[in-house]
Structures are given as C-alpha cells and as structure tokens.
Amino acid sequence: MLAVLAVVVAWSAWQPHDWFTWVLETFPAWGGALLLIGLYPRWRFTDLAYSLMLVHAVILCVGGKYTYAEVPLFNALRDAFDWDRNHYDRVGHFAQGFVPAIIAREVLIRRSPVKKGGWLFFVVGSICLAFSALYELFEWWTALASGAKSDAFLGTQGDPWDTQWDMALALTGCILSQLTLAKLHDRHLKRLP
C-alpha cells in the first residue's frame, strides 16, 4: 500500500495545477502516511482501515493535482450531464466522512469504554462531523490568510452553500460507512493480534 501511495503522490506532484493548492490538498495523505508509519510498531489498524485510507489518499492526491474544481473526468461529466459544477469536491467530502468513520470506530472500540451499538454509532458520527467542521474552518482560515491564492483550495465554484454541502456529505459518508461496513469491520477487528 505504501508503494501505491508513493506512486500516486509522485504522479500528483508532477506538474500540479499549483503548488500551494497541492500542498494543502495532499498533506493529509502523505502526512497521514508518515504518522501511520511512526505508529505502526505500537498501533496497527485493520487491513480494512488501511485500504480505506489508501482510497482516501488517492482521492486527495487527484484533487491536489488538478484542484477539486478542475478534475478532468468530472469536468467531462459536468459537460455531459449539464451539471452546474464539477462534483469531485462532493466525492472528496463524502470520503472525508466515510473513511474516518472506520478509523474513529476502530480507535473507540479498541481504546475506549464505548461499546458497540447506538452510542458508538452516535460518537463516531459526532467525531466525523466535528472533523468536517474543523476542516471547513481550516479552509476559511486559509482563505483569510492567503486571499485569492486560496480560491483553488476552497473550490466553492460559486455555491454559497458549499460549506454546508461539504459537512452534510461527510456526515452522509460517515453514516453509510457505519451502516454498510460495521460487520465487515468487526470481522477484521477479530483478526488483529
């Protein structure tokens, strides 16, 4: 998985739209990988969690290369279906809830008194929504600090409700992740040493 990530990061870094956006968009991918490498001897996630993290890292690297508003495939879809925007940003924010839900669920099951069931579902949802809101605040702070340089990073594409869409999609991703992957995740947790 690290080899795949290294190739994707290298591809993404080759002639990106702009370096400022690339660093902001891809830092969670390569920064997270470095953190996971450092934690690995003491903390090992399930193969499911690592696989989802890799998928999310690829989504981040594609968005970093082109900017989320200019991913070519989604520009083609926008034109073919007469959409008002490039929806790759929506994919990224859905993943921002879908993947961290499994990560949060795993940490809570393994390291907290929260038991499987309704409270776990609620706490994971709260964590994912809080993370999404924090990311939106980070986008806002970046825009305040860097002005027009942050337009590609924000990727609002003229939508005044972009921030609310982003958080709603992250919450939707989180809920769907827990509903569809919880049993599979439980099986992966049982296989951990």
N, C-alpha and C. Protein backbone atom coordinates (compact mmCIF):
# COMPACT_ATOMS: atom_id res chain seq x y z
N MET A 1 0.83 -1.19 0.00
CA MET A 1 0.00 0.00 0.00
C MET A 1 0.87 1.26 0.00
N LEU A 2 1.98 1.21 0.73
CA LEU A 2 2.88 2.36 0.74
C LEU A 2 3.48 2.61 -0.64
N ALA A 3 3.78 1.54 -1.36
CA ALA A 3 4.33 1.69 -2.72
C ALA A 3 3.29 2.35 -3.64
N VAL A 4 2.05 1.91 -3.54
CA VAL A 4 0.97 2.51 -4.34
C VAL A 4 0.83 3.98 -3.98
N LEU A 5 0.82 4.28 -2.70
CA LEU A 5 0.69 5.66 -2.27
C LEU A 5 1.86 6.50 -2.78
N ALA A 6 3.08 5.97 -2.72
CA ALA A 6 4.25 6.71 -3.19
C ALA A 6 4.11 7.04 -4.68
N VAL A 7 3.64 6.09 -5.47
CA VAL A 7 3.45 6.33 -6.91
C VAL A 7 2.38 7.39 -7.14
N VAL A 8 1.28 7.31 -6.41
CA VAL A 8 0.18 8.27 -6.58
C VAL A 8 0.62 9.67 -6.16
N VAL A 9 1.33 9.77 -5.05
CA VAL A 9 1.82 11.09 -4.60
C VAL A 9 2.79 11.66 -5.62
N ALA A 10 3.70 10.83 -6.14
CA ALA A 10 4.66 11.30 -7.15
C ALA A 10 3.94 11.77 -8.41
N TRP A 11 2.95 11.00 -8.87
CA TRP A 11 2.17 11.41 -10.04
C TRP A 11 1.46 12.73 -9.77
N SER A 12 0.86 12.84 -8.60
CA SER A 12 0.13 14.05 -8.24
C SER A 12 1.04 15.27 -8.18
N ALA A 13 2.28 15.07 -7.72
CA ALA A 13 3.23 16.17 -7.57
C ALA A 13 3.86 16.59 -8.91
N TRP A 14 3.71 15.77 -9.93
CA TRP A 14 4.27 16.10 -11.22
C TRP A 14 3.36 17.09 -11.94
N GLN A 15 3.82 18.33 -12.07
CA GLN A 15 3.10 19.42 -12.71
C GLN A 15 1.67 19.61 -12.19
N PRO A 16 1.54 19.84 -10.89
CA PRO A 16 0.19 20.08 -10.37
C PRO A 16 -0.32 21.45 -10.84
N HIS A 17 -1.60 21.66 -10.67
CA HIS A 17 -2.22 22.94 -11.04
C HIS A 17 -1.46 24.10 -10.41
N ASP A 18 -1.23 24.02 -9.11
CA ASP A 18 -0.34 24.97 -8.43
C ASP A 18 0.13 24.33 -7.12
N TRP A 19 1.33 24.69 -6.71
CA TRP A 19 1.96 24.05 -5.56
C TRP A 19 1.27 24.37 -4.24
N PHE A 20 0.78 25.57 -4.10
CA PHE A 20 0.10 25.95 -2.86
C PHE A 20 -1.10 25.04 -2.61
N THR A 21 -1.93 24.87 -3.64
CA THR A 21 -3.11 24.00 -3.52
C THR A 21 -2.68 22.56 -3.33
N TRP A 22 -1.65 22.14 -4.06
CA TRP A 22 -1.20 20.75 -3.96
C TRP A 22 -0.81 20.41 -2.52
N VAL A 23 -0.03 21.27 -1.90
CA VAL A 23 0.41 21.01 -0.52
C VAL A 23 -0.80 20.95 0.42
N LEU A 24 -1.70 21.90 0.30
CA LEU A 24 -2.87 21.93 1.17
C LEU A 24 -3.76 20.70 0.99
N GLU A 25 -3.94 20.28 -0.25
CA GLU A 25 -4.85 19.16 -0.52
C GLU A 25 -4.23 17.79 -0.24
N THR A 26 -2.93 17.65 -0.45
CA THR A 26 -2.31 16.32 -0.32
C THR A 26 -1.65 16.09 1.03
N PHE A 27 -1.47 17.14 1.81
CA PHE A 27 -0.81 16.96 3.11
C PHE A 27 -1.47 15.88 3.97
N PRO A 28 -2.80 15.82 4.04
CA PRO A 28 -3.39 14.74 4.85
C PRO A 28 -3.00 13.35 4.36
N ALA A 29 -2.75 13.19 3.06
CA ALA A 29 -2.37 11.87 2.52
C ALA A 29 -0.96 11.50 2.91
N TRP A 30 0.01 12.32 2.54
CA TRP A 30 1.40 11.95 2.85
C TRP A 30 1.76 12.23 4.30
N GLY A 31 1.16 13.24 4.91
CA GLY A 31 1.38 13.48 6.34
C GLY A 31 0.79 12.36 7.18
N GLY A 32 -0.40 11.91 6.78
CA GLY A 32 -1.03 10.79 7.48
C GLY A 32 -0.24 9.51 7.33
N ALA A 33 0.31 9.29 6.13
CA ALA A 33 1.13 8.09 5.91
C ALA A 33 2.36 8.10 6.81
N LEU A 34 3.00 9.24 6.94
CA LEU A 34 4.17 9.34 7.82
C LEU A 34 3.78 9.07 9.27
N LEU A 35 2.64 9.59 9.69
CA LEU A 35 2.15 9.35 11.04
C LEU A 35 1.87 7.85 11.26
N LEU A 36 1.23 7.21 10.29
CA LEU A 36 0.93 5.78 10.40
C LEU A 36 2.20 4.94 10.45
N ILE A 37 3.20 5.33 9.68
CA ILE A 37 4.48 4.62 9.72
C ILE A 37 5.10 4.73 11.10
N GLY A 38 5.05 5.93 11.67
CA GLY A 38 5.59 6.14 13.01
C GLY A 38 4.84 5.36 14.08
N LEU A 39 3.54 5.21 13.90
CA LEU A 39 2.72 4.50 14.88
C LEU A 39 2.76 2.98 14.73
N TYR A 40 3.14 2.51 13.55
CA TYR A 40 2.97 1.10 13.22
C TYR A 40 3.51 0.11 14.25
N PRO A 41 4.68 0.28 14.79
CA PRO A 41 5.11 -0.73 15.76
C PRO A 41 4.20 -0.81 17.00
N ARG A 42 3.62 0.32 17.38
CA ARG A 42 2.77 0.35 18.58
C ARG A 42 1.29 0.21 18.27
N TRP A 43 0.86 0.62 17.09
CA TRP A 43 -0.55 0.60 16.75
C TRP A 43 -0.71 0.14 15.31
N ARG A 44 -1.45 -0.92 15.14
CA ARG A 44 -1.73 -1.42 13.81
C ARG A 44 -3.23 -1.37 13.58
N PHE A 45 -3.63 -0.72 12.50
CA PHE A 45 -5.04 -0.70 12.12
C PHE A 45 -5.38 -1.98 11.37
N THR A 46 -6.65 -2.23 11.19
CA THR A 46 -7.09 -3.37 10.39
C THR A 46 -6.75 -3.13 8.92
N ASP A 47 -6.69 -4.22 8.16
CA ASP A 47 -6.46 -4.10 6.73
C ASP A 47 -7.57 -3.29 6.06
N LEU A 48 -8.79 -3.43 6.55
CA LEU A 48 -9.91 -2.65 6.02
C LEU A 48 -9.64 -1.15 6.19
N ALA A 49 -9.24 -0.75 7.39
CA ALA A 49 -8.98 0.67 7.64
C ALA A 49 -7.84 1.18 6.75
N TYR A 50 -6.76 0.41 6.65
CA TYR A 50 -5.65 0.82 5.79
C TYR A 50 -6.08 0.93 4.33
N SER A 51 -6.90 0.00 3.87
CA SER A 51 -7.36 0.04 2.47
C SER A 51 -8.20 1.29 2.21
N LEU A 52 -9.09 1.60 3.15
CA LEU A 52 -9.91 2.81 3.01
C LEU A 52 -9.04 4.07 3.06
N MET A 53 -8.04 4.07 3.92
CA MET A 53 -7.13 5.22 3.99
C MET A 53 -6.41 5.42 2.66
N LEU A 54 -6.02 4.33 2.01
CA LEU A 54 -5.35 4.44 0.72
C LEU A 54 -6.30 5.03 -0.33
N VAL A 55 -7.53 4.56 -0.37
CA VAL A 55 -8.51 5.10 -1.31
C VAL A 55 -8.69 6.59 -1.07
N HIS A 56 -8.80 6.97 0.19
CA HIS A 56 -8.98 8.38 0.52
C HIS A 56 -7.74 9.19 0.11
N ALA A 57 -6.56 8.63 0.32
CA ALA A 57 -5.33 9.32 -0.09
C ALA A 57 -5.29 9.53 -1.59
N VAL A 58 -5.75 8.56 -2.36
CA VAL A 58 -5.80 8.72 -3.82
C VAL A 58 -6.76 9.85 -4.19
N ILE A 59 -7.93 9.89 -3.55
CA ILE A 59 -8.90 10.96 -3.81
C ILE A 59 -8.26 12.32 -3.52
N LEU A 60 -7.54 12.43 -2.40
CA LEU A 60 -6.87 13.68 -2.04
C LEU A 60 -5.80 14.06 -3.06
N CYS A 61 -5.03 13.08 -3.52
CA CYS A 61 -3.94 13.37 -4.47
C CYS A 61 -4.47 13.79 -5.83
N VAL A 62 -5.56 13.20 -6.27
CA VAL A 62 -6.18 13.62 -7.53
C VAL A 62 -6.68 15.06 -7.40
N GLY A 63 -7.35 15.35 -6.28
CA GLY A 63 -7.82 16.72 -6.03
C GLY A 63 -6.68 17.71 -5.92
N GLY A 64 -5.56 17.27 -5.36
CA GLY A 64 -4.40 18.14 -5.24
C GLY A 64 -3.74 18.43 -6.57
N LYS A 65 -3.72 17.46 -7.44
CA LYS A 65 -3.08 17.65 -8.75
C LYS A 65 -3.84 18.66 -9.61
N TYR A 66 -5.15 18.50 -9.69
CA TYR A 66 -5.96 19.32 -10.59
C TYR A 66 -6.71 20.46 -9.91
N THR A 67 -6.87 20.40 -8.63
CA THR A 67 -7.81 21.12 -7.78
C THR A 67 -9.15 20.39 -7.90
N TYR A 68 -9.92 20.44 -6.85
CA TYR A 68 -11.18 19.70 -6.82
C TYR A 68 -12.18 20.24 -7.84
N ALA A 69 -12.05 21.48 -8.23
CA ALA A 69 -13.00 22.08 -9.18
C ALA A 69 -12.62 21.80 -10.63
N GLU A 70 -11.46 21.19 -10.86
CA GLU A 70 -10.99 21.01 -12.24
C GLU A 70 -10.56 19.58 -12.57
N VAL A 71 -11.00 18.58 -11.85
CA VAL A 71 -10.64 17.20 -12.15
C VAL A 71 -11.25 16.86 -13.53
N PRO A 72 -10.40 16.48 -14.50
CA PRO A 72 -10.87 16.32 -15.89
C PRO A 72 -12.07 15.38 -16.07
N LEU A 73 -12.05 14.21 -15.44
CA LEU A 73 -13.17 13.29 -15.60
C LEU A 73 -14.48 13.94 -15.14
N PHE A 74 -14.43 14.67 -14.05
CA PHE A 74 -15.64 15.29 -13.52
C PHE A 74 -16.03 16.54 -14.31
N ASN A 75 -15.06 17.17 -15.00
CA ASN A 75 -15.41 18.22 -15.95
C ASN A 75 -16.18 17.62 -17.13
N ALA A 76 -15.72 16.45 -17.58
CA ALA A 76 -16.41 15.77 -18.69
C ALA A 76 -17.83 15.37 -18.26
N LEU A 77 -17.97 14.85 -17.04
CA LEU A 77 -19.30 14.50 -16.54
C LEU A 77 -20.18 15.74 -16.40
N ARG A 78 -19.59 16.82 -15.92
CA ARG A 78 -20.34 18.09 -15.78
C ARG A 78 -20.89 18.51 -17.15
N ASP A 79 -20.03 18.44 -18.17
CA ASP A 79 -20.44 18.86 -19.51
C ASP A 79 -21.45 17.90 -20.12
N ALA A 80 -21.24 16.59 -19.91
CA ALA A 80 -22.14 15.58 -20.49
C ALA A 80 -23.53 15.63 -19.87
N PHE A 81 -23.61 15.90 -18.58
CA PHE A 81 -24.90 15.90 -17.90
C PHE A 81 -25.42 17.30 -17.60
N ASP A 82 -24.73 18.30 -18.13
CA ASP A 82 -25.13 19.70 -17.96
C ASP A 82 -25.26 20.10 -16.49
N TRP A 83 -24.30 19.61 -15.68
CA TRP A 83 -24.26 19.98 -14.27
C TRP A 83 -23.78 21.41 -14.15
N ASP A 84 -24.10 22.04 -13.03
CA ASP A 84 -23.68 23.42 -12.82
C ASP A 84 -22.27 23.53 -12.23
N ARG A 85 -21.66 22.40 -11.88
CA ARG A 85 -20.33 22.41 -11.27
C ARG A 85 -19.63 21.07 -11.45
N ASN A 86 -18.35 21.06 -11.16
CA ASN A 86 -17.56 19.84 -11.11
C ASN A 86 -17.80 19.24 -9.72
N HIS A 87 -18.30 18.02 -9.66
CA HIS A 87 -18.70 17.43 -8.38
C HIS A 87 -17.62 16.59 -7.70
N TYR A 88 -16.38 16.68 -8.15
CA TYR A 88 -15.34 15.90 -7.50
C TYR A 88 -15.18 16.32 -6.03
N ASP A 89 -15.40 17.59 -5.75
CA ASP A 89 -15.36 18.09 -4.38
C ASP A 89 -16.35 17.34 -3.50
N ARG A 90 -17.50 17.01 -4.06
CA ARG A 90 -18.52 16.28 -3.30
C ARG A 90 -18.03 14.87 -2.97
N VAL A 91 -17.34 14.24 -3.92
CA VAL A 91 -16.76 12.92 -3.68
C VAL A 91 -15.76 12.99 -2.53
N GLY A 92 -14.91 14.02 -2.57
CA GLY A 92 -13.89 14.19 -1.53
C GLY A 92 -14.50 14.37 -0.15
N HIS A 93 -15.56 15.15 -0.05
CA HIS A 93 -16.16 15.38 1.26
C HIS A 93 -16.98 14.18 1.74
N PHE A 94 -17.56 13.43 0.82
CA PHE A 94 -18.21 12.18 1.20
C PHE A 94 -17.17 11.22 1.79
N ALA A 95 -16.02 11.13 1.12
CA ALA A 95 -14.93 10.27 1.63
C ALA A 95 -14.40 10.77 2.96
N GLN A 96 -14.47 12.08 3.17
CA GLN A 96 -14.00 12.68 4.42
C GLN A 96 -14.83 12.21 5.62
N GLY A 97 -16.01 11.70 5.37
CA GLY A 97 -16.82 11.08 6.43
C GLY A 97 -16.75 9.57 6.40
N PHE A 98 -16.74 9.00 5.20
CA PHE A 98 -16.79 7.54 5.03
C PHE A 98 -15.56 6.86 5.63
N VAL A 99 -14.39 7.37 5.32
CA VAL A 99 -13.15 6.73 5.79
C VAL A 99 -12.87 7.01 7.26
N PRO A 100 -12.91 8.26 7.71
CA PRO A 100 -12.67 8.50 9.13
C PRO A 100 -13.66 7.80 10.06
N ALA A 101 -14.83 7.45 9.56
CA ALA A 101 -15.79 6.72 10.40
C ALA A 101 -15.21 5.39 10.84
N ILE A 102 -14.56 4.68 9.93
CA ILE A 102 -13.97 3.39 10.28
C ILE A 102 -12.76 3.58 11.19
N ILE A 103 -11.98 4.63 10.93
CA ILE A 103 -10.82 4.91 11.78
C ILE A 103 -11.28 5.23 13.20
N ALA A 104 -12.25 6.13 13.32
CA ALA A 104 -12.76 6.51 14.65
C ALA A 104 -13.41 5.31 15.34
N ARG A 105 -14.16 4.53 14.58
CA ARG A 105 -14.81 3.36 15.14
C ARG A 105 -13.78 2.38 15.70
N GLU A 106 -12.71 2.20 14.94
CA GLU A 106 -11.68 1.26 15.37
C GLU A 106 -10.97 1.74 16.64
N VAL A 107 -10.63 3.00 16.68
CA VAL A 107 -9.95 3.54 17.87
C VAL A 107 -10.88 3.45 19.08
N LEU A 108 -12.13 3.81 18.90
CA LEU A 108 -13.07 3.77 20.02
C LEU A 108 -13.30 2.35 20.52
N ILE A 109 -13.47 1.40 19.62
CA ILE A 109 -13.70 0.01 20.04
C ILE A 109 -12.48 -0.53 20.78
N ARG A 110 -11.31 -0.18 20.32
CA ARG A 110 -10.09 -0.75 20.90
C ARG A 110 -9.57 0.00 22.12
N ARG A 111 -9.90 1.28 22.26
CA ARG A 111 -9.28 2.08 23.31
C ARG A 111 -10.23 2.88 24.20
N SER A 112 -11.51 2.68 24.08
CA SER A 112 -12.43 3.46 24.91
C SER A 112 -13.47 2.54 25.54
N PRO A 113 -14.19 3.05 26.52
CA PRO A 113 -15.24 2.24 27.13
C PRO A 113 -16.53 2.20 26.30
N VAL A 114 -16.58 2.94 25.18
CA VAL A 114 -17.78 2.95 24.35
C VAL A 114 -17.96 1.57 23.72
N LYS A 115 -19.11 1.00 23.92
CA LYS A 115 -19.42 -0.34 23.39
C LYS A 115 -20.11 -0.23 22.04
N LYS A 116 -20.08 -1.33 21.29
CA LYS A 116 -20.77 -1.38 20.01
C LYS A 116 -22.26 -1.15 20.24
N GLY A 117 -22.87 -0.44 19.31
CA GLY A 117 -24.29 -0.14 19.42
C GLY A 117 -24.57 1.31 19.11
N GLY A 118 -25.68 1.78 19.63
CA GLY A 118 -26.14 3.13 19.33
C GLY A 118 -25.19 4.23 19.74
N TRP A 119 -24.61 4.10 20.94
CA TRP A 119 -23.69 5.15 21.39
C TRP A 119 -22.43 5.20 20.53
N LEU A 120 -21.91 4.07 20.14
CA LEU A 120 -20.74 4.05 19.26
C LEU A 120 -21.08 4.72 17.94
N PHE A 121 -22.21 4.38 17.36
CA PHE A 121 -22.66 4.99 16.11
C PHE A 121 -22.73 6.51 16.24
N PHE A 122 -23.34 6.97 17.35
CA PHE A 122 -23.50 8.40 17.59
C PHE A 122 -22.16 9.10 17.79
N VAL A 123 -21.28 8.51 18.59
CA VAL A 123 -19.99 9.13 18.86
C VAL A 123 -19.13 9.19 17.60
N VAL A 124 -19.13 8.13 16.82
CA VAL A 124 -18.39 8.14 15.55
C VAL A 124 -18.95 9.23 14.63
N GLY A 125 -20.26 9.33 14.54
CA GLY A 125 -20.88 10.38 13.74
C GLY A 125 -20.49 11.77 14.22
N SER A 126 -20.46 11.94 15.53
CA SER A 126 -20.08 13.24 16.09
C SER A 126 -18.62 13.58 15.78
N ILE A 127 -17.75 12.59 15.88
CA ILE A 127 -16.34 12.80 15.57
C ILE A 127 -16.18 13.20 14.10
N CYS A 128 -16.84 12.48 13.21
CA CYS A 128 -16.71 12.78 11.78
C CYS A 128 -17.27 14.16 11.44
N LEU A 129 -18.39 14.50 12.04
CA LEU A 129 -18.97 15.82 11.78
C LEU A 129 -18.07 16.92 12.36
N ALA A 130 -17.50 16.68 13.53
CA ALA A 130 -16.58 17.65 14.12
C ALA A 130 -15.33 17.81 13.25
N PHE A 131 -14.82 16.70 12.74
CA PHE A 131 -13.65 16.76 11.86
C PHE A 131 -13.96 17.54 10.59
N SER A 132 -15.14 17.30 10.02
CA SER A 132 -15.54 18.02 8.82
C SER A 132 -15.68 19.51 9.08
N ALA A 133 -16.30 19.86 10.20
CA ALA A 133 -16.44 21.28 10.55
C ALA A 133 -15.08 21.93 10.79
N LEU A 134 -14.17 21.20 11.43
CA LEU A 134 -12.83 21.73 11.65
C LEU A 134 -12.12 21.96 10.32
N TYR A 135 -12.30 21.05 9.36
CA TYR A 135 -11.70 21.22 8.05
C TYR A 135 -12.27 22.45 7.34
N GLU A 136 -13.57 22.68 7.47
CA GLU A 136 -14.18 23.88 6.88
C GLU A 136 -13.62 25.14 7.52
N LEU A 137 -13.39 25.10 8.83
CA LEU A 137 -12.76 26.24 9.50
C LEU A 137 -11.33 26.45 9.00
N PHE A 138 -10.60 25.35 8.79
CA PHE A 138 -9.25 25.45 8.24
C PHE A 138 -9.29 26.09 6.85
N GLU A 139 -10.24 25.71 6.01
CA GLU A 139 -10.38 26.34 4.69
C GLU A 139 -10.64 27.84 4.83
N TRP A 140 -11.48 28.20 5.76
CA TRP A 140 -11.81 29.62 5.98
C TRP A 140 -10.58 30.38 6.45
N TRP A 141 -9.86 29.81 7.43
CA TRP A 141 -8.65 30.48 7.93
C TRP A 141 -7.61 30.63 6.83
N THR A 142 -7.48 29.60 5.99
CA THR A 142 -6.53 29.66 4.88
C THR A 142 -6.92 30.77 3.91
N ALA A 143 -8.21 30.89 3.65
CA ALA A 143 -8.69 31.95 2.75
C ALA A 143 -8.42 33.33 3.34
N LEU A 144 -8.64 33.47 4.64
CA LEU A 144 -8.36 34.77 5.27
C LEU A 144 -6.88 35.10 5.21
N ALA A 145 -6.03 34.11 5.42
CA ALA A 145 -4.59 34.35 5.47
C ALA A 145 -3.96 34.54 4.10
N SER A 146 -4.50 33.86 3.08
CA SER A 146 -3.83 33.89 1.78
C SER A 146 -4.62 34.59 0.68
N GLY A 147 -5.83 35.01 0.95
CA GLY A 147 -6.61 35.75 -0.03
C GLY A 147 -6.92 34.94 -1.27
N ALA A 148 -6.73 35.54 -2.43
CA ALA A 148 -7.09 34.92 -3.71
C ALA A 148 -6.31 33.65 -3.99
N LYS A 149 -5.13 33.48 -3.37
CA LYS A 149 -4.35 32.26 -3.58
C LYS A 149 -5.13 31.02 -3.15
N SER A 150 -6.09 31.19 -2.27
CA SER A 150 -6.81 30.04 -1.73
C SER A 150 -8.05 29.68 -2.54
N ASP A 151 -8.37 30.40 -3.61
CA ASP A 151 -9.58 30.12 -4.38
C ASP A 151 -9.64 28.67 -4.86
N ALA A 152 -8.52 28.17 -5.38
CA ALA A 152 -8.49 26.78 -5.87
C ALA A 152 -8.65 25.79 -4.72
N PHE A 153 -8.11 26.14 -3.54
CA PHE A 153 -8.23 25.26 -2.37
C PHE A 153 -9.67 25.24 -1.87
N LEU A 154 -10.33 26.39 -1.85
CA LEU A 154 -11.71 26.44 -1.37
C LEU A 154 -12.65 25.69 -2.32
N GLY A 155 -12.50 25.90 -3.60
CA GLY A 155 -13.29 25.17 -4.59
C GLY A 155 -14.79 25.32 -4.45
N THR A 156 -15.27 26.46 -3.99
CA THR A 156 -16.71 26.62 -3.80
C THR A 156 -17.47 26.70 -5.11
N GLN A 157 -16.81 27.08 -6.18
CA GLN A 157 -17.40 27.17 -7.51
C GLN A 157 -18.67 28.01 -7.51
N GLY A 158 -18.68 29.07 -6.73
CA GLY A 158 -19.81 29.99 -6.71
C GLY A 158 -21.01 29.52 -5.90
N ASP A 159 -20.90 28.40 -5.20
CA ASP A 159 -22.01 27.87 -4.43
C ASP A 159 -22.00 28.46 -3.02
N PRO A 160 -22.99 29.27 -2.67
CA PRO A 160 -22.99 29.87 -1.33
C PRO A 160 -23.21 28.84 -0.22
N TRP A 161 -23.69 27.65 -0.57
CA TRP A 161 -23.96 26.60 0.41
C TRP A 161 -22.89 25.51 0.38
N ASP A 162 -21.75 25.78 -0.22
CA ASP A 162 -20.71 24.76 -0.37
C ASP A 162 -20.27 24.18 0.98
N THR A 163 -20.08 25.02 1.96
CA THR A 163 -19.64 24.56 3.28
C THR A 163 -20.67 23.61 3.89
N GLN A 164 -21.94 23.96 3.79
CA GLN A 164 -22.99 23.11 4.35
C GLN A 164 -23.08 21.78 3.58
N TRP A 165 -22.95 21.83 2.25
CA TRP A 165 -22.93 20.61 1.44
C TRP A 165 -21.77 19.72 1.88
N ASP A 166 -20.60 20.33 2.07
CA ASP A 166 -19.42 19.56 2.45
C ASP A 166 -19.65 18.82 3.76
N MET A 167 -20.17 19.49 4.75
CA MET A 167 -20.40 18.85 6.05
C MET A 167 -21.52 17.81 5.96
N ALA A 168 -22.57 18.10 5.20
CA ALA A 168 -23.67 17.14 5.04
C ALA A 168 -23.18 15.88 4.34
N LEU A 169 -22.33 16.03 3.34
CA LEU A 169 -21.81 14.85 2.63
C LEU A 169 -20.87 14.04 3.51
N ALA A 170 -20.07 14.72 4.33
CA ALA A 170 -19.20 14.00 5.26
C ALA A 170 -20.05 13.21 6.26
N LEU A 171 -21.10 13.80 6.76
CA LEU A 171 -21.99 13.10 7.70
C LEU A 171 -22.68 11.92 7.00
N THR A 172 -23.12 12.13 5.77
CA THR A 172 -23.75 11.05 5.00
C THR A 172 -22.76 9.90 4.79
N GLY A 173 -21.52 10.25 4.42
CA GLY A 173 -20.49 9.23 4.25
C GLY A 173 -20.25 8.45 5.52
N CYS A 174 -20.20 9.16 6.64
CA CYS A 174 -19.98 8.52 7.94
C CYS A 174 -21.11 7.55 8.27
N ILE A 175 -22.33 7.98 8.08
CA ILE A 175 -23.48 7.12 8.39
C ILE A 175 -23.48 5.90 7.48
N LEU A 176 -23.28 6.11 6.19
CA LEU A 176 -23.27 4.99 5.24
C LEU A 176 -22.14 4.02 5.53
N SER A 177 -20.99 4.54 5.90
CA SER A 177 -19.85 3.69 6.23
C SER A 177 -20.18 2.77 7.39
N GLN A 178 -20.78 3.33 8.43
CA GLN A 178 -21.11 2.52 9.60
C GLN A 178 -22.21 1.51 9.29
N LEU A 179 -23.19 1.91 8.48
CA LEU A 179 -24.28 1.00 8.15
C LEU A 179 -23.83 -0.14 7.25
N THR A 180 -22.91 0.13 6.34
CA THR A 180 -22.52 -0.90 5.37
C THR A 180 -21.28 -1.68 5.76
N LEU A 181 -20.39 -1.11 6.58
CA LEU A 181 -19.11 -1.77 6.84
C LEU A 181 -18.92 -2.27 8.27
N ALA A 182 -19.84 -1.99 9.18
CA ALA A 182 -19.64 -2.34 10.59
C ALA A 182 -19.38 -3.84 10.79
N LYS A 183 -20.18 -4.69 10.18
CA LYS A 183 -20.00 -6.14 10.37
C LYS A 183 -18.67 -6.61 9.78
N LEU A 184 -18.34 -6.12 8.59
CA LEU A 184 -17.06 -6.46 7.98
C LEU A 184 -15.91 -5.94 8.85
N HIS A 185 -16.06 -4.74 9.35
CA HIS A 185 -15.04 -4.16 10.22
C HIS A 185 -14.87 -4.99 11.49
N ASP A 186 -15.97 -5.45 12.06
CA ASP A 186 -15.89 -6.30 13.26
C ASP A 186 -15.10 -7.58 12.98
N ARG A 187 -15.31 -8.17 11.80
CA ARG A 187 -14.55 -9.38 11.44
C ARG A 187 -13.07 -9.07 11.32
N HIS A 188 -12.74 -7.93 10.75
CA HIS A 188 -11.33 -7.52 10.63
C HIS A 188 -10.72 -7.26 12.00
N LEU A 189 -11.50 -6.68 12.90
CA LEU A 189 -11.00 -6.42 14.25
C LEU A 189 -10.67 -7.71 14.98
N LYS A 190 -11.46 -8.75 14.77
CA LYS A 190 -11.20 -10.04 15.43
C LYS A 190 -9.90 -10.67 14.97
N ARG A 191 -9.44 -10.34 13.77
CA ARG A 191 -8.22 -10.93 13.22
C ARG A 191 -6.96 -10.23 13.69
N LEU A 192 -7.10 -9.07 14.34
CA LEU A 192 -5.92 -8.36 14.83
C LEU A 192 -5.23 -9.16 15.91
N PRO A 193 -3.87 -9.12 15.95
CA PRO A 193 -3.16 -9.84 17.02
C PRO A 193 -3.47 -9.24 18.38
